[in-house]
Amino acid sequence: MPLRAPQADAAQEALMAVFKSLRALKDPAALHGWVRAIVVREAVRTARRAARTEPADLSSLPARGDPQLSADDRDVLERLPPEYRAVLILRNVEGLDERTAAALLGVRTGTVNSRLHRARDTFRKAWTS
């Protein structure tokens, strides 16, 4: 049995959650946002599970002072913990407010604010080092 990527697991879990709860959707116009919330939540859960079960491979990280370290912001973003990456993307890339991001992630607004602060700080430190 071949191993599946965590992305495929997240997509499958999200689809299952959507199909199981589809009858509970009261407003068909809210479908896009509703599905988006489920997908984000499942992606974060799957990334957390993968991070706990798979040890990080640090052998490919460049040494301090290597110009490759700050070459690409996407690389820095991908190295953030999943919960930081999710809130940073929702707020800074998607342009969502704290309440909407909190609802999508299933956390409190204060949690979004603290994660956003830590995510920006972590991103800034990784980018400048």
Protein backbone atom coordinates (compact mmCIF):
# COMPACT_ATOMS: atom_id res chain seq x y z
CA MET A 1 0.00 0.00 0.00
CA PRO A 2 1.64 3.28 -1.08
CA LEU A 3 1.97 6.13 1.39
CA ARG A 4 -0.24 9.12 0.72
CA ALA A 5 0.82 12.72 1.03
CA PRO A 6 -0.64 14.74 3.91
CA GLN A 7 -2.30 17.03 1.35
CA ALA A 8 -4.30 14.12 -0.04
CA ASP A 9 -5.34 13.14 3.48
CA ALA A 10 -6.49 16.71 4.20
CA ALA A 11 -8.46 16.87 0.95
CA GLN A 12 -10.13 13.54 1.65
CA GLU A 13 -11.01 14.49 5.24
CA ALA A 14 -12.41 17.83 4.05
CA LEU A 15 -14.55 16.18 1.37
CA MET A 16 -15.88 13.66 3.86
CA ALA A 17 -16.75 16.43 6.33
CA VAL A 18 -18.49 18.43 3.60
CA PHE A 19 -20.56 15.49 2.40
CA LYS A 20 -21.48 14.41 5.95
CA SER A 21 -22.67 17.90 6.90
CA LEU A 22 -24.07 19.12 3.58
CA ARG A 23 -27.70 18.69 4.68
CA ALA A 24 -27.04 20.99 7.66
CA LEU A 25 -26.14 23.89 5.34
CA LYS A 26 -29.09 26.27 5.59
CA ASP A 27 -28.02 28.98 3.13
CA PRO A 28 -26.78 27.73 -0.28
CA ALA A 29 -25.19 31.14 -0.91
CA ALA A 30 -22.80 30.44 1.99
CA LEU A 31 -21.47 27.25 0.39
CA HIS A 32 -18.13 28.71 -0.71
CA GLY A 33 -17.23 30.12 2.70
CA TRP A 34 -18.53 27.06 4.50
CA VAL A 35 -16.46 24.66 2.40
CA ARG A 36 -13.44 26.95 2.69
CA ALA A 37 -13.67 26.88 6.49
CA ILE A 38 -13.79 23.09 6.49
CA VAL A 39 -10.83 22.81 4.10
CA VAL A 40 -8.67 25.22 6.14
CA ARG A 41 -9.53 23.43 9.39
CA GLU A 42 -8.71 20.01 7.93
CA ALA A 43 -5.46 21.25 6.36
CA VAL A 44 -4.27 22.60 9.71
CA ARG A 45 -5.29 19.41 11.54
CA THR A 46 -3.55 17.19 9.00
CA ALA A 47 -0.39 19.31 9.05
CA ARG A 48 -0.30 19.14 12.85
CA ARG A 49 -0.73 15.36 12.78
CA ALA A 50 2.02 15.00 10.18
CA ALA A 51 4.35 17.23 12.17
CA ARG A 52 3.83 15.10 15.28
CA THR A 53 4.38 11.78 13.53
CA GLU A 54 7.19 12.62 11.12
CA PRO A 55 10.51 13.90 12.44
CA ALA A 56 11.74 17.04 10.72
CA ASP A 57 14.46 16.49 8.13
CA LEU A 58 16.95 19.20 8.93
CA SER A 59 19.71 17.85 6.70
CA SER A 60 18.61 19.94 3.73
CA LEU A 61 18.60 23.27 5.60
CA PRO A 62 21.36 25.60 4.45
CA ALA A 63 24.05 26.68 6.92
CA ARG A 64 23.85 30.10 8.60
CA GLY A 65 25.18 32.76 6.24
CA ASP A 66 24.25 30.82 3.11
CA PRO A 67 22.54 33.19 0.61
CA GLN A 68 19.89 30.55 -0.03
CA LEU A 69 18.42 31.19 3.45
CA SER A 70 16.65 34.40 2.52
CA ALA A 71 16.25 33.74 -1.19
CA ASP A 72 12.53 33.03 -1.26
CA ASP A 73 9.71 34.18 0.98
CA ARG A 74 7.68 31.08 0.09
CA ASP A 75 10.40 28.90 1.55
CA VAL A 76 10.28 30.89 4.79
CA LEU A 77 6.49 30.66 4.85
CA GLU A 78 6.56 26.89 4.34
CA ARG A 79 8.89 26.49 7.32
CA LEU A 80 6.41 28.14 9.70
CA PRO A 81 4.30 25.88 11.92
CA PRO A 82 0.94 25.10 10.27
CA GLU A 83 -1.13 27.18 12.70
CA TYR A 84 1.11 30.24 12.12
CA ARG A 85 1.14 29.74 8.36
CA ALA A 86 -2.65 29.42 8.22
CA VAL A 87 -3.33 32.63 10.16
CA LEU A 88 -0.66 34.56 8.26
CA ILE A 89 -2.11 33.53 4.90
CA LEU A 90 -5.70 34.20 5.94
CA ARG A 91 -4.88 37.67 7.28
CA ASN A 92 -2.11 38.90 4.97
CA VAL A 93 -2.74 37.08 1.71
CA GLU A 94 -6.51 36.53 1.79
CA GLY A 95 -7.13 39.84 3.59
CA LEU A 96 -9.61 38.43 6.10
CA ASP A 97 -10.29 40.18 9.39
CA GLU A 98 -9.59 38.59 12.77
CA ARG A 99 -13.18 37.44 13.36
CA THR A 100 -13.49 35.73 9.99
CA ALA A 101 -10.07 34.06 10.34
CA ALA A 102 -11.01 32.90 13.84
CA ALA A 103 -14.27 31.42 12.57
CA LEU A 104 -12.50 29.61 9.72
CA LEU A 105 -9.88 28.17 12.04
CA GLY A 106 -12.31 27.35 14.82
CA VAL A 107 -10.43 29.40 17.44
CA ARG A 108 -11.02 32.60 19.40
CA THR A 109 -10.19 36.03 17.99
CA GLY A 110 -7.52 36.50 20.67
CA THR A 111 -5.87 33.26 19.54
CA VAL A 112 -5.76 34.56 15.96
CA ASN A 113 -4.16 37.81 17.16
CA SER A 114 -1.51 36.07 19.25
CA ARG A 115 -0.72 33.55 16.49
CA LEU A 116 -0.51 36.36 13.96
CA HIS A 117 1.92 38.27 16.16
CA ARG A 118 4.09 35.17 16.65
CA ALA A 119 3.84 34.24 12.95
CA ARG A 120 4.97 37.68 11.82
CA ASP A 121 7.79 37.71 14.35
CA THR A 122 8.93 34.21 13.36
CA PHE A 123 8.68 35.05 9.66
CA ARG A 124 10.65 38.29 10.12
CA LYS A 125 13.41 36.53 12.09
CA ALA A 126 13.67 33.71 9.52
CA TRP A 127 13.69 36.18 6.64
CA THR A 128 16.43 38.40 8.05
CA SER A 129 18.75 35.67 9.33
